[in-house]
Protein backbone atom coordinates (compact mmCIF):
# COMPACT_ATOMS: atom_id res chain seq x y z
CA MET A 1 38.23 193.58 51.02
CA ALA A 2 38.61 195.94 54.00
CA HIS A 3 42.14 194.61 54.53
CA GLU A 4 43.04 195.45 50.89
CA ASN A 5 41.98 199.07 51.40
CA ARG A 6 44.07 199.57 54.56
CA PRO A 7 47.27 200.75 52.75
CA LEU A 8 45.26 203.27 50.74
CA LEU A 9 43.43 204.55 53.81
CA GLU A 10 46.69 204.81 55.74
CA HIS A 11 48.27 206.75 52.86
CA LEU A 12 45.27 209.12 52.72
CA ALA A 13 45.47 209.66 56.48
CA ARG A 14 49.19 210.51 56.19
CA VAL A 15 48.50 212.94 53.34
CA GLN A 16 45.71 214.61 55.31
CA ALA A 17 47.96 214.98 58.36
CA LEU A 18 50.76 216.42 56.21
CA LEU A 19 48.37 218.89 54.56
CA ALA A 20 47.11 220.01 57.97
CA ARG A 21 50.70 220.63 59.14
CA GLU A 22 51.57 222.47 55.91
CA ARG A 23 48.50 224.67 56.15
CA GLU A 24 49.25 225.45 59.78
CA ALA A 25 52.80 226.56 58.92
CA ALA A 26 51.85 228.29 55.66
CA ALA A 27 50.95 231.73 57.03
CA ARG A 28 54.27 232.06 58.87
CA LEU A 29 56.27 230.71 55.93
CA CYS A 30 54.45 232.97 53.44
CA GLU A 31 55.34 235.96 55.60
CA GLU A 32 58.97 234.83 55.70
CA LEU A 33 59.05 234.28 51.93
CA LEU A 34 57.36 237.58 51.10
CA ALA A 35 59.66 239.48 53.45
CA LEU A 36 62.49 238.68 51.03
CA PRO A 37 63.13 241.13 48.17
CA ASP A 38 60.89 240.28 45.19
CA GLU A 39 63.84 239.23 43.04
CA GLN A 40 64.93 236.64 45.64
CA GLN A 41 61.55 235.02 46.24
CA GLU A 42 61.47 232.66 43.26
CA ALA A 43 65.00 231.46 44.01
CA ALA A 44 63.94 230.82 47.60
CA VAL A 45 60.93 228.80 46.41
CA ARG A 46 63.10 226.72 44.10
CA GLY A 47 65.93 226.26 46.60
CA ASP A 48 64.24 225.82 49.97
CA LEU A 49 62.00 222.79 50.55
CA ARG A 50 60.07 224.69 53.24
CA PHE A 51 58.59 226.90 50.50
CA ARG A 52 57.59 224.04 48.20
CA THR A 53 54.45 222.86 49.95
CA TRP A 54 50.77 222.71 49.17
CA GLY A 55 50.12 225.12 52.04
CA ILE A 56 52.51 227.72 50.59
CA CYS A 57 50.84 227.42 47.17
CA GLU A 58 47.41 227.91 48.71
CA GLY A 59 48.64 230.86 50.78
CA LEU A 60 50.19 232.58 47.77
CA LEU A 61 47.04 232.04 45.68
CA LEU A 62 44.87 233.39 48.47
CA ARG A 63 46.99 236.53 48.60
CA SER A 64 46.95 236.76 44.80
CA GLY A 65 43.16 236.83 44.89
CA ASP A 66 43.06 239.74 47.35
CA PRO A 67 41.38 242.63 45.50
CA GLU A 68 43.31 245.12 47.65
CA ILE A 69 46.69 244.32 46.13
CA PRO A 70 47.71 245.77 42.75
CA PRO A 71 47.15 243.53 39.71
CA MET A 72 50.85 243.23 38.88
CA GLU A 73 51.58 242.01 42.41
CA ALA A 74 48.65 239.58 42.22
CA GLU A 75 50.04 238.16 38.99
CA ARG A 76 53.54 237.89 40.46
CA LEU A 77 52.21 235.98 43.48
CA ALA A 78 50.32 233.58 41.20
CA PHE A 79 53.53 232.89 39.24
CA LEU A 80 55.38 232.38 42.52
CA ALA A 81 52.75 229.78 43.46
CA LEU A 82 53.26 228.12 40.07
CA ALA A 83 57.00 227.93 40.77
CA ALA A 84 56.23 226.30 44.12
CA THR A 85 54.02 223.65 42.48
CA ALA A 86 57.02 222.44 40.49
CA GLY A 87 58.63 221.23 43.69
CA LEU A 88 55.67 219.49 45.32
CA ASP A 89 56.42 215.99 46.58
CA ALA A 90 55.10 213.54 43.95
CA SER A 91 54.85 210.78 46.56
CA VAL A 92 52.28 212.88 48.41
CA HIS A 93 50.52 214.87 45.67
CA SER A 94 49.51 213.08 42.48
CA ALA A 95 50.32 214.77 39.19
CA ALA A 96 46.60 215.21 38.46
CA VAL A 97 45.97 217.01 41.75
CA VAL A 98 48.98 219.26 41.15
CA ARG A 99 47.57 220.08 37.69
CA ASP A 100 44.35 221.23 39.38
CA LEU A 101 46.37 223.52 41.63
CA GLN A 102 48.27 224.84 38.61
CA ALA A 103 44.94 225.48 36.87
CA SER A 104 43.88 227.54 39.90
CA ALA A 105 47.14 229.47 39.74
CA TRP A 106 46.65 230.24 36.05
CA GLY A 107 43.12 231.35 36.95
CA CYS A 108 44.67 233.82 39.41
CA VAL A 109 46.97 235.07 36.64
CA SER A 110 43.92 235.58 34.43
CA ARG A 111 42.06 237.45 37.17
CA ALA A 112 45.04 239.74 37.77
CA ARG A 113 45.32 240.48 34.06
CA LEU A 114 41.60 241.22 33.85
CA ARG A 115 42.02 243.68 36.71
CA ALA A 116 44.84 245.29 34.72
CA ASP A 117 42.58 245.52 31.63
CA ASP A 118 44.75 243.05 29.72
CA GLY A 119 42.02 241.02 28.01
CA ASP A 120 44.39 239.19 25.65
CA GLY A 121 46.69 238.23 28.51
CA ALA A 122 43.71 237.11 30.61
CA GLU A 123 42.49 234.91 27.76
CA GLN A 124 45.94 233.33 27.33
CA ALA A 125 46.07 232.58 31.06
CA LEU A 126 42.61 230.96 30.87
CA ILE A 127 43.79 228.77 28.00
CA GLU A 128 46.73 227.66 30.17
CA ALA A 129 44.37 227.04 33.10
CA ALA A 130 42.04 224.92 30.95
CA ALA A 131 44.98 222.86 29.63
CA HIS A 132 46.14 222.11 33.17
CA LEU A 133 42.64 221.26 34.33
CA ALA A 134 42.18 218.91 31.35
CA HIS A 135 45.15 216.90 32.64
CA GLY A 136 44.04 217.16 36.26
CA THR A 137 41.22 215.54 38.16
CA GLY A 138 38.60 217.76 36.57
CA ALA A 139 37.88 219.37 39.94
CA LEU A 140 34.43 220.92 39.67
CA LEU A 141 35.24 223.86 41.96
CA VAL A 142 38.27 224.81 39.91
CA GLU A 143 36.27 224.46 36.71
CA ALA A 144 33.46 226.62 38.11
CA ARG A 145 35.89 229.39 39.06
CA LEU A 146 37.47 229.30 35.61
CA LEU A 147 34.03 229.46 33.99
CA GLU A 148 33.23 232.55 36.07
CA LEU A 149 36.48 234.18 34.98
CA GLU A 150 35.76 233.42 31.35
CA ALA A 151 32.28 234.86 31.79
CA LEU A 152 33.76 238.09 33.12
CA LEU A 153 36.15 238.20 30.17
CA ARG A 154 33.33 237.62 27.66
CA GLN A 155 31.23 240.30 29.35
CA ARG A 156 34.09 242.80 29.03
CA GLN A 157 34.50 241.82 25.39
CA GLY A 158 30.86 242.78 24.81
CA HIS A 159 29.37 239.25 24.66
CA PRO A 160 26.79 239.21 27.49
CA ARG A 161 24.90 236.16 26.18
CA ASP A 162 28.10 234.09 26.08
CA ALA A 163 28.92 235.32 29.58
CA ALA A 164 25.46 234.31 30.81
CA ALA A 165 25.84 230.82 29.33
CA LEU A 166 29.20 230.40 31.07
CA LEU A 167 27.70 231.55 34.37
CA ARG A 168 24.94 228.96 33.98
CA GLN A 169 27.63 226.27 33.62
CA ALA A 170 29.52 227.66 36.63
CA GLU A 171 26.32 227.56 38.69
CA ALA A 172 25.78 223.90 37.76
CA ARG A 173 29.37 222.98 38.72
CA TYR A 174 29.01 224.77 42.06
CA ARG A 175 25.76 222.90 42.76
CA GLU A 176 27.40 219.57 41.87
CA SER A 177 30.18 220.45 44.34
CA GLY A 178 27.69 221.22 47.10
CA GLU A 179 28.57 224.93 47.04
CA SER A 180 25.04 226.31 46.98
CA GLY A 181 26.11 229.79 48.13
CA LEU A 182 28.54 230.16 45.24
CA ALA A 183 25.93 228.70 42.87
CA ASP A 184 23.42 231.31 44.02
CA LEU A 185 25.96 234.08 43.46
CA ALA A 186 26.67 232.83 39.93
CA ARG A 187 22.93 232.71 39.23
CA SER A 188 22.32 236.24 40.53
CA THR A 189 25.26 237.56 38.49
CA ARG A 190 23.80 235.88 35.40
CA GLU A 191 20.35 237.33 36.09
CA ARG A 192 21.79 240.85 36.49
CA LEU A 193 23.72 240.43 33.27
CA LEU A 194 20.63 239.36 31.33
CA ALA A 195 18.53 242.17 32.84
CA VAL A 196 20.73 244.84 31.28
């Protein structure tokens, strides 16, 4: 039985090593990509293999989530990450895992639109995120983040009870993922919401 698992374990080890290298190079490559004029960045992502990596996608999404950058720039970075996911190596990253990453990117689009007070646009982005997650692995952390975003949207729409219910679900997903700190934050946000 152990012999049968060797090819799988070897493949996983290669993927882990590749991800580590991509993440190590991502900061430098993100800087290089973002130094290009905005209108050239998507073409660079589509045309240059160096910019179509998991590490680049993560780096762009991290920057998209920075509350210091303007919402329109945050949304643009999330779409740039989505463009990069289209070129990820299918022999390394399964389609389901890529769908999870795309769900995260759509979550970043939703967050940016919420920051820009575009509730309808934020809701559309959440619908896209949920569709991608439904065809992904069902990653609990991604689901929890999307639930928190939906809770924020429902709160802004004047539905605090719906928001609280979504935060309860997010808390449960965080706990299942072993993210007790994030679960505690979701719980305290829910408690503050219900105290109003």
